Amino acid sequence: MSRAWAVIKAHPYISNVLGYTTLFASADLIQQRVLGAGSRSEDSVAIDWRQTARVATVGFCFHANFNYHWLRGLERMLPGGGVKAVTGKVVVDQLVAAPLTISAFYIGLSLLENKDDPLKDWRLNFWTSYKTGVVFWSTMQAVNFALIPPVARTVFLGGIALTFTIFLCHLRGQSGHKPE
């Protein structure tokens, strides 16, 4: 384990981005297998690998990179793990990063699917996602900023994002999403 930690510390950007991308793909696979099973017939249990690739692409191209740089910048802006610093980080994160990352998820996937209206999924799901995210992410980011060392924050965030991304994929599927 100490060897893996040494690699993460030596190459935090690469390990964080690859880890986060893998978690995004995993979230889509879990959603398809567990939550998506009820919306399909028993004969149709195949994984939509193209959908998983799209979710992983959005995770890699935007979310992993954004979160890596965002968390570093947030730590520079509001250094420390005290109550005041953590509260400030959580508030700024929810006001700035949350709307951007939720929007990138819905719009990014719609663009990768060549949707005629790339904002449709966003309009249908943004507010539900944001309101749920404020409760979920405020709690998780408080833990992240107070207890997790800066070098591991993007990976921790990716692990927590697994749960939230499953929720986003499921919500998108429940709102009548069909790839074009």
C-alpha atoms as a PDB file:
ATOM      1  CA  MET A   1       0.000   0.000   0.000  1.00  0.00           C
ATOM      2  CA  SER A   2       2.856   2.377   0.744  1.00  0.00           C
ATOM      3  CA  ARG A   3       4.135   1.791  -2.775  1.00  0.00           C
ATOM      4  CA  ALA A   4       0.774   2.795  -4.304  1.00  0.00           C
ATOM      5  CA  TRP A   5       0.676   5.888  -2.081  1.00  0.00           C
ATOM      6  CA  ALA A   6       4.188   6.815  -3.278  1.00  0.00           C
ATOM      7  CA  VAL A   7       3.029   6.630  -6.918  1.00  0.00           C
ATOM      8  CA  ILE A   8      -0.039   8.779  -6.163  1.00  0.00           C
ATOM      9  CA  LYS A   9       2.113  11.373  -4.399  1.00  0.00           C
ATOM     10  CA  ALA A  10       4.686  11.353  -7.203  1.00  0.00           C
ATOM     11  CA  HIS A  11       2.081  11.700  -9.996  1.00  0.00           C
ATOM     12  CA  PRO A  12      -1.059  13.177  -8.435  1.00  0.00           C
ATOM     13  CA  TYR A  13      -2.510  14.596 -11.643  1.00  0.00           C
ATOM     14  CA  ILE A  14      -2.306  11.352 -13.629  1.00  0.00           C
ATOM     15  CA  SER A  15      -3.494   9.129 -10.788  1.00  0.00           C
ATOM     16  CA  ASN A  16      -6.366  11.472  -9.910  1.00  0.00           C
ATOM     17  CA  VAL A  17      -7.579  11.836 -13.498  1.00  0.00           C
ATOM     18  CA  LEU A  18      -7.347   8.119 -14.293  1.00  0.00           C
ATOM     19  CA  GLY A  19      -8.990   7.187 -11.009  1.00  0.00           C
ATOM     20  CA  TYR A  20     -11.811   9.658 -11.487  1.00  0.00           C
ATOM     21  CA  THR A  21     -12.439   8.510 -15.076  1.00  0.00           C
ATOM     22  CA  THR A  22     -12.594   4.880 -13.978  1.00  0.00           C
ATOM     23  CA  LEU A  23     -15.080   5.784 -11.255  1.00  0.00           C
ATOM     24  CA  PHE A  24     -17.319   7.611 -13.751  1.00  0.00           C
ATOM     25  CA  ALA A  25     -17.374   4.575 -16.052  1.00  0.00           C
ATOM     26  CA  SER A  26     -18.058   2.333 -13.053  1.00  0.00           C
ATOM     27  CA  ALA A  27     -20.986   4.527 -11.994  1.00  0.00           C
ATOM     28  CA  ASP A  28     -22.613   4.129 -15.391  1.00  0.00           C
ATOM     29  CA  LEU A  29     -22.071   0.359 -15.361  1.00  0.00           C
ATOM     30  CA  ILE A  30     -23.591   0.074 -11.883  1.00  0.00           C
ATOM     31  CA  GLN A  31     -26.545   2.204 -12.923  1.00  0.00           C
ATOM     32  CA  GLN A  32     -27.144   0.081 -16.027  1.00  0.00           C
ATOM     33  CA  ARG A  33     -26.846  -3.227 -14.173  1.00  0.00           C
ATOM     34  CA  VAL A  34     -28.595  -2.435 -10.895  1.00  0.00           C
ATOM     35  CA  LEU A  35     -30.870   0.567 -11.297  1.00  0.00           C
ATOM     36  CA  GLY A  36     -31.457   0.232 -15.027  1.00  0.00           C
ATOM     37  CA  ALA A  37     -32.515  -3.403 -14.767  1.00  0.00           C
ATOM     38  CA  GLY A  38     -36.064  -2.515 -13.784  1.00  0.00           C
ATOM     39  CA  SER A  39     -36.580  -0.406 -16.887  1.00  0.00           C
ATOM     40  CA  ARG A  40     -35.542  -3.184 -19.320  1.00  0.00           C
ATOM     41  CA  SER A  41     -37.024  -6.513 -20.179  1.00  0.00           C
ATOM     42  CA  GLU A  42     -35.312  -9.629 -18.834  1.00  0.00           C
ATOM     43  CA  ASP A  43     -34.138 -10.453 -22.375  1.00  0.00           C
ATOM     44  CA  SER A  44     -32.227  -7.200 -22.613  1.00  0.00           C
ATOM     45  CA  VAL A  45     -29.473  -7.405 -20.005  1.00  0.00           C
ATOM     46  CA  ALA A  46     -26.587  -6.302 -22.227  1.00  0.00           C
ATOM     47  CA  ILE A  47     -24.466  -3.366 -21.196  1.00  0.00           C
ATOM     48  CA  ASP A  48     -24.551  -0.312 -23.451  1.00  0.00           C
ATOM     49  CA  TRP A  49     -20.782   0.081 -23.732  1.00  0.00           C
ATOM     50  CA  ARG A  50     -21.118   3.167 -25.925  1.00  0.00           C
ATOM     51  CA  GLN A  51     -23.100   4.855 -23.151  1.00  0.00           C
ATOM     52  CA  THR A  52     -20.426   3.874 -20.626  1.00  0.00           C
ATOM     53  CA  ALA A  53     -17.727   5.238 -22.948  1.00  0.00           C
ATOM     54  CA  ARG A  54     -19.622   8.540 -23.235  1.00  0.00           C
ATOM     55  CA  VAL A  55     -19.953   8.849 -19.468  1.00  0.00           C
ATOM     56  CA  ALA A  56     -16.239   8.013 -19.060  1.00  0.00           C
ATOM     57  CA  THR A  57     -15.359  10.594 -21.732  1.00  0.00           C
ATOM     58  CA  VAL A  58     -17.296  13.326 -19.943  1.00  0.00           C
ATOM     59  CA  GLY A  59     -15.651  12.242 -16.695  1.00  0.00           C
ATOM     60  CA  PHE A  60     -12.186  12.345 -18.244  1.00  0.00           C
ATOM     61  CA  CYS A  61     -12.480  15.432 -20.424  1.00  0.00           C
ATOM     62  CA  PHE A  62     -14.232  17.671 -17.944  1.00  0.00           C
ATOM     63  CA  HIS A  63     -14.906  16.365 -14.448  1.00  0.00           C
ATOM     64  CA  ALA A  64     -11.546  14.799 -13.590  1.00  0.00           C
ATOM     65  CA  ASN A  65      -9.541  17.724 -14.912  1.00  0.00           C
ATOM     66  CA  PHE A  66     -11.864  20.384 -13.539  1.00  0.00           C
ATOM     67  CA  ASN A  67     -11.976  18.852 -10.060  1.00  0.00           C
ATOM     68  CA  TYR A  68      -8.219  18.374  -9.892  1.00  0.00           C
ATOM     69  CA  HIS A  69      -7.544  22.031 -10.673  1.00  0.00           C
ATOM     70  CA  TRP A  70     -10.617  23.333  -8.819  1.00  0.00           C
ATOM     71  CA  LEU A  71      -9.661  21.651  -5.550  1.00  0.00           C
ATOM     72  CA  ARG A  72      -6.078  22.912  -5.780  1.00  0.00           C
ATOM     73  CA  GLY A  73      -7.308  26.451  -6.439  1.00  0.00           C
ATOM     74  CA  LEU A  74      -9.877  26.267  -3.667  1.00  0.00           C
ATOM     75  CA  GLU A  75      -7.185  25.150  -1.219  1.00  0.00           C
ATOM     76  CA  ARG A  76      -5.002  28.111  -2.227  1.00  0.00           C
ATOM     77  CA  MET A  77      -7.938  30.521  -1.913  1.00  0.00           C
ATOM     78  CA  LEU A  78      -9.122  29.189   1.447  1.00  0.00           C
ATOM     79  CA  PRO A  79      -6.245  27.247   3.027  1.00  0.00           C
ATOM     80  CA  GLY A  80      -6.653  25.029   6.049  1.00  0.00           C
ATOM     81  CA  GLY A  81      -9.074  22.604   7.609  1.00  0.00           C
ATOM     82  CA  GLY A  82     -10.628  24.728  10.341  1.00  0.00           C
ATOM     83  CA  VAL A  83     -14.365  25.296  10.576  1.00  0.00           C
ATOM     84  CA  LYS A  84     -14.239  28.718   8.890  1.00  0.00           C
ATOM     85  CA  ALA A  85     -12.065  27.533   5.974  1.00  0.00           C
ATOM     86  CA  VAL A  86     -14.079  24.331   5.449  1.00  0.00           C
ATOM     87  CA  THR A  87     -17.381  26.231   5.535  1.00  0.00           C
ATOM     88  CA  GLY A  88     -16.048  28.752   3.025  1.00  0.00           C
ATOM     89  CA  LYS A  89     -14.835  25.988   0.701  1.00  0.00           C
ATOM     90  CA  VAL A  90     -18.166  24.160   0.855  1.00  0.00           C
ATOM     91  CA  VAL A  91     -20.181  27.327   0.130  1.00  0.00           C
ATOM     92  CA  VAL A  92     -17.960  28.395  -2.777  1.00  0.00           C
ATOM     93  CA  ASP A  93     -17.944  24.833  -4.114  1.00  0.00           C
ATOM     94  CA  GLN A  94     -21.752  24.660  -4.120  1.00  0.00           C
ATOM     95  CA  LEU A  95     -22.176  28.093  -5.694  1.00  0.00           C
ATOM     96  CA  VAL A  96     -19.525  27.727  -8.413  1.00  0.00           C
ATOM     97  CA  ALA A  97     -18.464  24.130  -9.039  1.00  0.00           C
ATOM     98  CA  ALA A  98     -21.783  22.356  -8.525  1.00  0.00           C
ATOM     99  CA  PRO A  99     -23.717  24.148 -11.292  1.00  0.00           C
ATOM    100  CA  LEU A 100     -20.749  23.802 -13.673  1.00  0.00           C
ATOM    101  CA  THR A 101     -20.191  20.090 -13.098  1.00  0.00           C
ATOM    102  CA  ILE A 102     -23.889  19.162 -13.262  1.00  0.00           C
ATOM    103  CA  SER A 103     -24.277  21.195 -16.453  1.00  0.00           C
ATOM    104  CA  ALA A 104     -21.171  19.628 -17.991  1.00  0.00           C
ATOM    105  CA  PHE A 105     -22.544  16.153 -17.254  1.00  0.00           C
ATOM    106  CA  TYR A 106     -25.924  16.636 -18.964  1.00  0.00           C
ATOM    107  CA  ILE A 107     -24.787  18.883 -21.808  1.00  0.00           C
ATOM    108  CA  GLY A 108     -21.591  16.889 -22.423  1.00  0.00           C
ATOM    109  CA  LEU A 109     -23.468  13.606 -22.780  1.00  0.00           C
ATOM    110  CA  SER A 110     -26.079  15.206 -25.035  1.00  0.00           C
ATOM    111  CA  LEU A 111     -23.335  16.592 -27.280  1.00  0.00           C
ATOM    112  CA  LEU A 112     -21.595  13.205 -27.457  1.00  0.00           C
ATOM    113  CA  GLU A 113     -24.946  11.677 -28.465  1.00  0.00           C
ATOM    114  CA  ASN A 114     -25.451  14.312 -31.185  1.00  0.00           C
ATOM    115  CA  LYS A 115     -28.773  15.376 -29.689  1.00  0.00           C
ATOM    116  CA  ASP A 116     -30.762  17.942 -31.661  1.00  0.00           C
ATOM    117  CA  ASP A 117     -31.328  19.873 -28.430  1.00  0.00           C
ATOM    118  CA  PRO A 118     -28.247  19.412 -26.220  1.00  0.00           C
ATOM    119  CA  LEU A 119     -29.914  21.405 -23.423  1.00  0.00           C
ATOM    120  CA  LYS A 120     -33.038  19.219 -23.123  1.00  0.00           C
ATOM    121  CA  ASP A 121     -31.656  16.772 -20.520  1.00  0.00           C
ATOM    122  CA  TRP A 122     -30.143  19.713 -18.654  1.00  0.00           C
ATOM    123  CA  ARG A 123     -33.484  21.552 -18.522  1.00  0.00           C
ATOM    124  CA  LEU A 124     -35.282  18.410 -17.347  1.00  0.00           C
ATOM    125  CA  ASN A 125     -32.808  17.390 -14.658  1.00  0.00           C
ATOM    126  CA  PHE A 126     -30.673  20.322 -13.514  1.00  0.00           C
ATOM    127  CA  TRP A 127     -32.736  21.594 -10.570  1.00  0.00           C
ATOM    128  CA  THR A 128     -33.440  18.160  -9.119  1.00  0.00           C
ATOM    129  CA  SER A 129     -29.748  17.280  -9.483  1.00  0.00           C
ATOM    130  CA  TYR A 130     -28.591  20.577  -7.979  1.00  0.00           C
ATOM    131  CA  LYS A 131     -30.947  20.463  -4.974  1.00  0.00           C
ATOM    132  CA  THR A 132     -30.004  16.860  -4.223  1.00  0.00           C
ATOM    133  CA  GLY A 133     -26.356  17.702  -4.765  1.00  0.00           C
ATOM    134  CA  VAL A 134     -26.386  20.625  -2.333  1.00  0.00           C
ATOM    135  CA  VAL A 135     -27.375  18.303   0.503  1.00  0.00           C
ATOM    136  CA  PHE A 136     -25.154  15.399  -0.577  1.00  0.00           C
ATOM    137  CA  TRP A 137     -22.073  17.356  -1.643  1.00  0.00           C
ATOM    138  CA  SER A 138     -22.098  19.845   1.231  1.00  0.00           C
ATOM    139  CA  THR A 139     -21.741  16.953   3.650  1.00  0.00           C
ATOM    140  CA  MET A 140     -19.187  15.069   1.571  1.00  0.00           C
ATOM    141  CA  GLN A 141     -17.092  18.157   0.804  1.00  0.00           C
ATOM    142  CA  ALA A 142     -17.000  19.085   4.488  1.00  0.00           C
ATOM    143  CA  VAL A 143     -15.492  15.642   5.181  1.00  0.00           C
ATOM    144  CA  ASN A 144     -13.176  16.037   2.180  1.00  0.00           C
ATOM    145  CA  PHE A 145     -11.848  19.453   3.191  1.00  0.00           C
ATOM    146  CA  ALA A 146     -11.603  18.686   6.907  1.00  0.00           C
ATOM    147  CA  LEU A 147     -10.151  15.175   6.913  1.00  0.00           C
ATOM    148  CA  ILE A 148      -8.593  14.247   3.546  1.00  0.00           C
ATOM    149  CA  PRO A 149      -5.054  15.421   2.678  1.00  0.00           C
ATOM    150  CA  PRO A 150      -4.925  17.674  -0.418  1.00  0.00           C
ATOM    151  CA  VAL A 151      -3.001  15.104  -2.496  1.00  0.00           C
ATOM    152  CA  ALA A 152      -5.863  12.605  -2.163  1.00  0.00           C
ATOM    153  CA  ARG A 153      -8.862  14.944  -2.452  1.00  0.00           C
ATOM    154  CA  THR A 154      -9.620  14.359  -6.130  1.00  0.00           C
ATOM    155  CA  VAL A 155      -9.543  10.579  -5.643  1.00  0.00           C
ATOM    156  CA  PHE A 156     -11.768  10.845  -2.549  1.00  0.00           C
ATOM    157  CA  LEU A 157     -14.068  13.138  -4.484  1.00  0.00           C
ATOM    158  CA  GLY A 158     -14.130  10.580  -7.307  1.00  0.00           C
ATOM    159  CA  GLY A 159     -15.175   7.853  -4.887  1.00  0.00           C
ATOM    160  CA  ILE A 160     -17.996  10.004  -3.558  1.00  0.00           C
ATOM    161  CA  ALA A 161     -18.843  11.064  -7.112  1.00  0.00           C
ATOM    162  CA  LEU A 162     -19.417   7.394  -7.925  1.00  0.00           C
ATOM    163  CA  THR A 163     -22.592   7.510  -5.840  1.00  0.00           C
ATOM    164  CA  PHE A 164     -23.726  10.867  -7.200  1.00  0.00           C
ATOM    165  CA  THR A 165     -22.956   9.900 -10.803  1.00  0.00           C
ATOM    166  CA  ILE A 166     -25.053   6.746 -10.404  1.00  0.00           C
ATOM    167  CA  PHE A 167     -27.847   9.075  -9.291  1.00  0.00           C
ATOM    168  CA  LEU A 168     -27.307  11.413 -12.296  1.00  0.00           C
ATOM    169  CA  CYS A 169     -27.254   8.510 -14.776  1.00  0.00           C
ATOM    170  CA  HIS A 170     -30.388   7.068 -13.207  1.00  0.00           C
ATOM    171  CA  LEU A 171     -32.206  10.418 -13.163  1.00  0.00           C
ATOM    172  CA  ARG A 172     -31.285  10.976 -16.800  1.00  0.00           C
ATOM    173  CA  GLY A 173     -32.615   7.527 -17.698  1.00  0.00           C
ATOM    174  CA  GLN A 174     -35.836   8.095 -15.733  1.00  0.00           C
ATOM    175  CA  SER A 175     -36.583  11.344 -17.573  1.00  0.00           C
ATOM    176  CA  GLY A 176     -37.134   9.494 -20.842  1.00  0.00           C
ATOM    177  CA  HIS A 177     -33.569   9.786 -22.152  1.00  0.00           C
ATOM    178  CA  LYS A 178     -32.971   7.936 -25.409  1.00  0.00           C
ATOM    179  CA  PRO A 179     -29.665   8.228 -27.342  1.00  0.00           C
ATOM    180  CA  GLU A 180     -30.171   9.552 -30.874  1.00  0.00           C
END
